[in-house]
Amino acid sequence: MAERARTFYLQRNEDLTGVSGTGIVADGVLWPDETVTVHWRGTYASDVYWPDGIEAVEQIHGHDGRTEIIWHVSNAATEPDYAAMVRVAAAATLREFAELIDRGPMIPLRPSIFSTMAREQADDIEAGRRG
């Protein structure tokens, strides 16, 4: 199983049916479990799920090489670390929640167990000890 999803597009060089046209006709994702989702562009836009993987997409839509699967180049060194971004956002949200609890609705309250727990969870998330 792949570690990350991979994206691609379908480049149609010759349109046999006259429906999709030529050029980039669809965008897709190959998921880590090897299933595929394809989003068709244009007037009749739709989404299709392919449980049998990329081979099924190529078999059905390849039209004997007239449509190509073009993979987007992935460079892990320059891609954002989305998991880290989510951790930072979650931790910040928990810290804001803790501050809100401490402030209370109208009167200052002493720190409560809930704000302490929120701060501890934020620390755990930032340290990678929690999802």
C-alpha atoms as a PDB file:
ATOM      1  CA  MET A   1       0.000   0.000   0.000  1.00  0.00           C
ATOM      2  CA  ALA A   2       1.328   3.442  -0.922  1.00  0.00           C
ATOM      3  CA  GLU A   3       1.993   5.960   1.829  1.00  0.00           C
ATOM      4  CA  ARG A   4       0.397   8.945   0.068  1.00  0.00           C
ATOM      5  CA  ALA A   5      -2.285   9.599  -2.482  1.00  0.00           C
ATOM      6  CA  ARG A   6      -1.036  10.427  -5.984  1.00  0.00           C
ATOM      7  CA  THR A   7      -2.779  12.788  -8.368  1.00  0.00           C
ATOM      8  CA  PHE A   8      -3.059  12.640 -12.129  1.00  0.00           C
ATOM      9  CA  TYR A   9      -5.061  13.951 -15.045  1.00  0.00           C
ATOM     10  CA  LEU A  10      -6.424  12.356 -18.181  1.00  0.00           C
ATOM     11  CA  GLN A  11      -5.021  13.904 -21.346  1.00  0.00           C
ATOM     12  CA  ARG A  12      -7.257  13.065 -24.305  1.00  0.00           C
ATOM     13  CA  ASN A  13      -5.374  13.467 -27.571  1.00  0.00           C
ATOM     14  CA  GLU A  14      -8.195  12.236 -29.820  1.00  0.00           C
ATOM     15  CA  ASP A  15     -11.895  12.221 -28.932  1.00  0.00           C
ATOM     16  CA  LEU A  16     -13.575   9.229 -30.561  1.00  0.00           C
ATOM     17  CA  THR A  17     -17.072  10.013 -29.254  1.00  0.00           C
ATOM     18  CA  GLY A  18     -17.144  13.809 -29.566  1.00  0.00           C
ATOM     19  CA  VAL A  19     -18.357  14.127 -25.953  1.00  0.00           C
ATOM     20  CA  SER A  20     -15.317  14.962 -23.843  1.00  0.00           C
ATOM     21  CA  GLY A  21     -13.233  16.870 -26.346  1.00  0.00           C
ATOM     22  CA  THR A  22      -9.451  16.898 -26.296  1.00  0.00           C
ATOM     23  CA  GLY A  23      -6.925  18.176 -23.789  1.00  0.00           C
ATOM     24  CA  ILE A  24      -7.270  17.644 -20.053  1.00  0.00           C
ATOM     25  CA  VAL A  25     -10.671  15.980 -19.656  1.00  0.00           C
ATOM     26  CA  ALA A  26     -10.495  14.655 -16.075  1.00  0.00           C
ATOM     27  CA  ASP A  27      -8.550  14.858 -12.821  1.00  0.00           C
ATOM     28  CA  GLY A  28      -7.924  11.911 -10.563  1.00  0.00           C
ATOM     29  CA  VAL A  29      -6.529  10.560  -7.333  1.00  0.00           C
ATOM     30  CA  LEU A  30      -4.912   7.168  -6.780  1.00  0.00           C
ATOM     31  CA  TRP A  31      -5.542   6.529  -3.082  1.00  0.00           C
ATOM     32  CA  PRO A  32      -3.100   4.635  -0.816  1.00  0.00           C
ATOM     33  CA  ASP A  33      -5.434   1.594  -0.887  1.00  0.00           C
ATOM     34  CA  GLU A  34      -5.033   1.501  -4.715  1.00  0.00           C
ATOM     35  CA  THR A  35      -8.629   2.651  -5.408  1.00  0.00           C
ATOM     36  CA  VAL A  36      -9.122   5.603  -7.755  1.00  0.00           C
ATOM     37  CA  THR A  37     -11.426   8.608  -7.911  1.00  0.00           C
ATOM     38  CA  VAL A  38     -11.849  10.451 -11.223  1.00  0.00           C
ATOM     39  CA  HIS A  39     -13.544  13.834 -11.657  1.00  0.00           C
ATOM     40  CA  TRP A  40     -14.672  14.529 -15.203  1.00  0.00           C
ATOM     41  CA  ARG A  41     -14.500  18.138 -16.375  1.00  0.00           C
ATOM     42  CA  GLY A  42     -16.815  19.939 -18.757  1.00  0.00           C
ATOM     43  CA  THR A  43     -20.524  20.204 -19.413  1.00  0.00           C
ATOM     44  CA  TYR A  44     -21.282  16.750 -17.990  1.00  0.00           C
ATOM     45  CA  ALA A  45     -18.982  16.933 -14.953  1.00  0.00           C
ATOM     46  CA  SER A  46     -19.190  13.914 -12.685  1.00  0.00           C
ATOM     47  CA  ASP A  47     -17.185  11.885 -10.190  1.00  0.00           C
ATOM     48  CA  VAL A  48     -16.458   8.176 -10.537  1.00  0.00           C
ATOM     49  CA  TYR A  49     -14.997   5.771  -7.983  1.00  0.00           C
ATOM     50  CA  TRP A  50     -12.912   2.862  -9.310  1.00  0.00           C
ATOM     51  CA  PRO A  51     -12.417   0.132  -6.686  1.00  0.00           C
ATOM     52  CA  ASP A  52     -10.362  -1.927  -9.186  1.00  0.00           C
ATOM     53  CA  GLY A  53      -7.660   0.712  -9.452  1.00  0.00           C
ATOM     54  CA  ILE A  54      -5.797   2.611 -12.118  1.00  0.00           C
ATOM     55  CA  GLU A  55      -5.697  -0.340 -14.523  1.00  0.00           C
ATOM     56  CA  ALA A  56      -9.506  -0.245 -14.778  1.00  0.00           C
ATOM     57  CA  VAL A  57      -9.430   3.506 -15.500  1.00  0.00           C
ATOM     58  CA  GLU A  58      -6.863   2.983 -18.243  1.00  0.00           C
ATOM     59  CA  GLN A  59      -8.716   0.020 -19.712  1.00  0.00           C
ATOM     60  CA  ILE A  60     -12.057   1.852 -19.918  1.00  0.00           C
ATOM     61  CA  HIS A  61     -10.921   5.386 -20.784  1.00  0.00           C
ATOM     62  CA  GLY A  62      -7.560   4.870 -22.497  1.00  0.00           C
ATOM     63  CA  HIS A  63      -9.127   4.324 -25.935  1.00  0.00           C
ATOM     64  CA  ASP A  64      -6.086   2.429 -27.198  1.00  0.00           C
ATOM     65  CA  GLY A  65      -3.638   5.161 -26.185  1.00  0.00           C
ATOM     66  CA  ARG A  66      -5.749   8.113 -27.346  1.00  0.00           C
ATOM     67  CA  THR A  67      -6.145   9.155 -23.700  1.00  0.00           C
ATOM     68  CA  GLU A  68      -3.112   9.164 -21.404  1.00  0.00           C
ATOM     69  CA  ILE A  69      -2.797   9.115 -17.636  1.00  0.00           C
ATOM     70  CA  ILE A  70      -0.372  11.898 -16.749  1.00  0.00           C
ATOM     71  CA  TRP A  71       0.949  11.757 -13.180  1.00  0.00           C
ATOM     72  CA  HIS A  72       1.645  14.980 -11.352  1.00  0.00           C
ATOM     73  CA  VAL A  73       5.259  15.121 -10.247  1.00  0.00           C
ATOM     74  CA  SER A  74       5.526  14.831  -6.497  1.00  0.00           C
ATOM     75  CA  ASN A  75       8.466  16.264  -4.654  1.00  0.00           C
ATOM     76  CA  ALA A  76       8.134  15.418  -0.962  1.00  0.00           C
ATOM     77  CA  ALA A  77      10.876  17.924  -0.146  1.00  0.00           C
ATOM     78  CA  THR A  78       8.752  20.856  -1.364  1.00  0.00           C
ATOM     79  CA  GLU A  79       5.245  19.602  -0.544  1.00  0.00           C
ATOM     80  CA  PRO A  80       3.634  21.009   2.579  1.00  0.00           C
ATOM     81  CA  ASP A  81       3.513  18.668   5.555  1.00  0.00           C
ATOM     82  CA  TYR A  82      -0.263  18.650   5.906  1.00  0.00           C
ATOM     83  CA  ALA A  83      -0.198  16.409   8.979  1.00  0.00           C
ATOM     84  CA  ALA A  84       2.052  18.886  10.772  1.00  0.00           C
ATOM     85  CA  MET A  85      -0.189  21.765   9.685  1.00  0.00           C
ATOM     86  CA  VAL A  86      -3.231  19.995  11.134  1.00  0.00           C
ATOM     87  CA  ARG A  87      -1.373  19.294  14.391  1.00  0.00           C
ATOM     88  CA  VAL A  88      -0.406  22.961  14.743  1.00  0.00           C
ATOM     89  CA  ALA A  89      -3.967  24.132  14.000  1.00  0.00           C
ATOM     90  CA  ALA A  90      -5.488  21.613  16.434  1.00  0.00           C
ATOM     91  CA  ALA A  91      -3.084  22.591  19.185  1.00  0.00           C
ATOM     92  CA  ALA A  92      -3.786  26.301  18.627  1.00  0.00           C
ATOM     93  CA  THR A  93      -7.538  25.669  18.745  1.00  0.00           C
ATOM     94  CA  LEU A  94      -7.206  23.755  22.010  1.00  0.00           C
ATOM     95  CA  ARG A  95      -5.115  26.548  23.507  1.00  0.00           C
ATOM     96  CA  GLU A  96      -7.721  29.141  22.471  1.00  0.00           C
ATOM     97  CA  PHE A  97     -10.415  26.925  24.006  1.00  0.00           C
ATOM     98  CA  ALA A  98      -8.435  26.742  27.256  1.00  0.00           C
ATOM     99  CA  GLU A  99      -8.157  30.545  27.336  1.00  0.00           C
ATOM    100  CA  LEU A 100     -11.891  30.893  26.731  1.00  0.00           C
ATOM    101  CA  ILE A 101     -12.645  28.499  29.597  1.00  0.00           C
ATOM    102  CA  ASP A 102     -10.291  30.425  31.899  1.00  0.00           C
ATOM    103  CA  ARG A 103     -11.907  33.769  31.011  1.00  0.00           C
ATOM    104  CA  GLY A 104     -15.415  32.494  31.535  1.00  0.00           C
ATOM    105  CA  PRO A 105     -18.509  34.219  30.180  1.00  0.00           C
ATOM    106  CA  MET A 106     -18.272  37.553  32.013  1.00  0.00           C
ATOM    107  CA  ILE A 107     -16.182  37.113  35.128  1.00  0.00           C
ATOM    108  CA  PRO A 108     -12.645  35.782  35.490  1.00  0.00           C
ATOM    109  CA  LEU A 109     -12.509  32.234  36.799  1.00  0.00           C
ATOM    110  CA  ARG A 110      -9.568  30.326  38.138  1.00  0.00           C
ATOM    111  CA  PRO A 111      -8.115  27.802  35.651  1.00  0.00           C
ATOM    112  CA  SER A 112     -10.294  24.724  35.562  1.00  0.00           C
ATOM    113  CA  ILE A 113      -9.548  21.084  34.973  1.00  0.00           C
ATOM    114  CA  PHE A 114     -10.984  21.494  31.454  1.00  0.00           C
ATOM    115  CA  SER A 115      -8.544  24.215  30.453  1.00  0.00           C
ATOM    116  CA  THR A 116      -5.687  22.199  31.951  1.00  0.00           C
ATOM    117  CA  MET A 117      -6.778  19.131  29.964  1.00  0.00           C
ATOM    118  CA  ALA A 118      -7.051  21.195  26.765  1.00  0.00           C
ATOM    119  CA  ARG A 119      -3.523  22.527  27.220  1.00  0.00           C
ATOM    120  CA  GLU A 120      -2.179  19.027  27.896  1.00  0.00           C
ATOM    121  CA  GLN A 121      -3.850  17.708  24.744  1.00  0.00           C
ATOM    122  CA  ALA A 122      -2.409  20.620  22.751  1.00  0.00           C
ATOM    123  CA  ASP A 123       1.073  19.772  24.072  1.00  0.00           C
ATOM    124  CA  ASP A 124       0.576  16.094  23.136  1.00  0.00           C
ATOM    125  CA  ILE A 125      -0.603  16.990  19.629  1.00  0.00           C
ATOM    126  CA  GLU A 126       2.343  19.312  19.016  1.00  0.00           C
ATOM    127  CA  ALA A 127       4.738  16.634  20.241  1.00  0.00           C
ATOM    128  CA  GLY A 128       3.133  14.061  17.943  1.00  0.00           C
ATOM    129  CA  ARG A 129       1.841  11.906  20.800  1.00  0.00           C
ATOM    130  CA  ARG A 130      -1.764  12.285  19.598  1.00  0.00           C
ATOM    131  CA  GLY A 131      -3.431  12.236  16.155  1.00  0.00           C
END
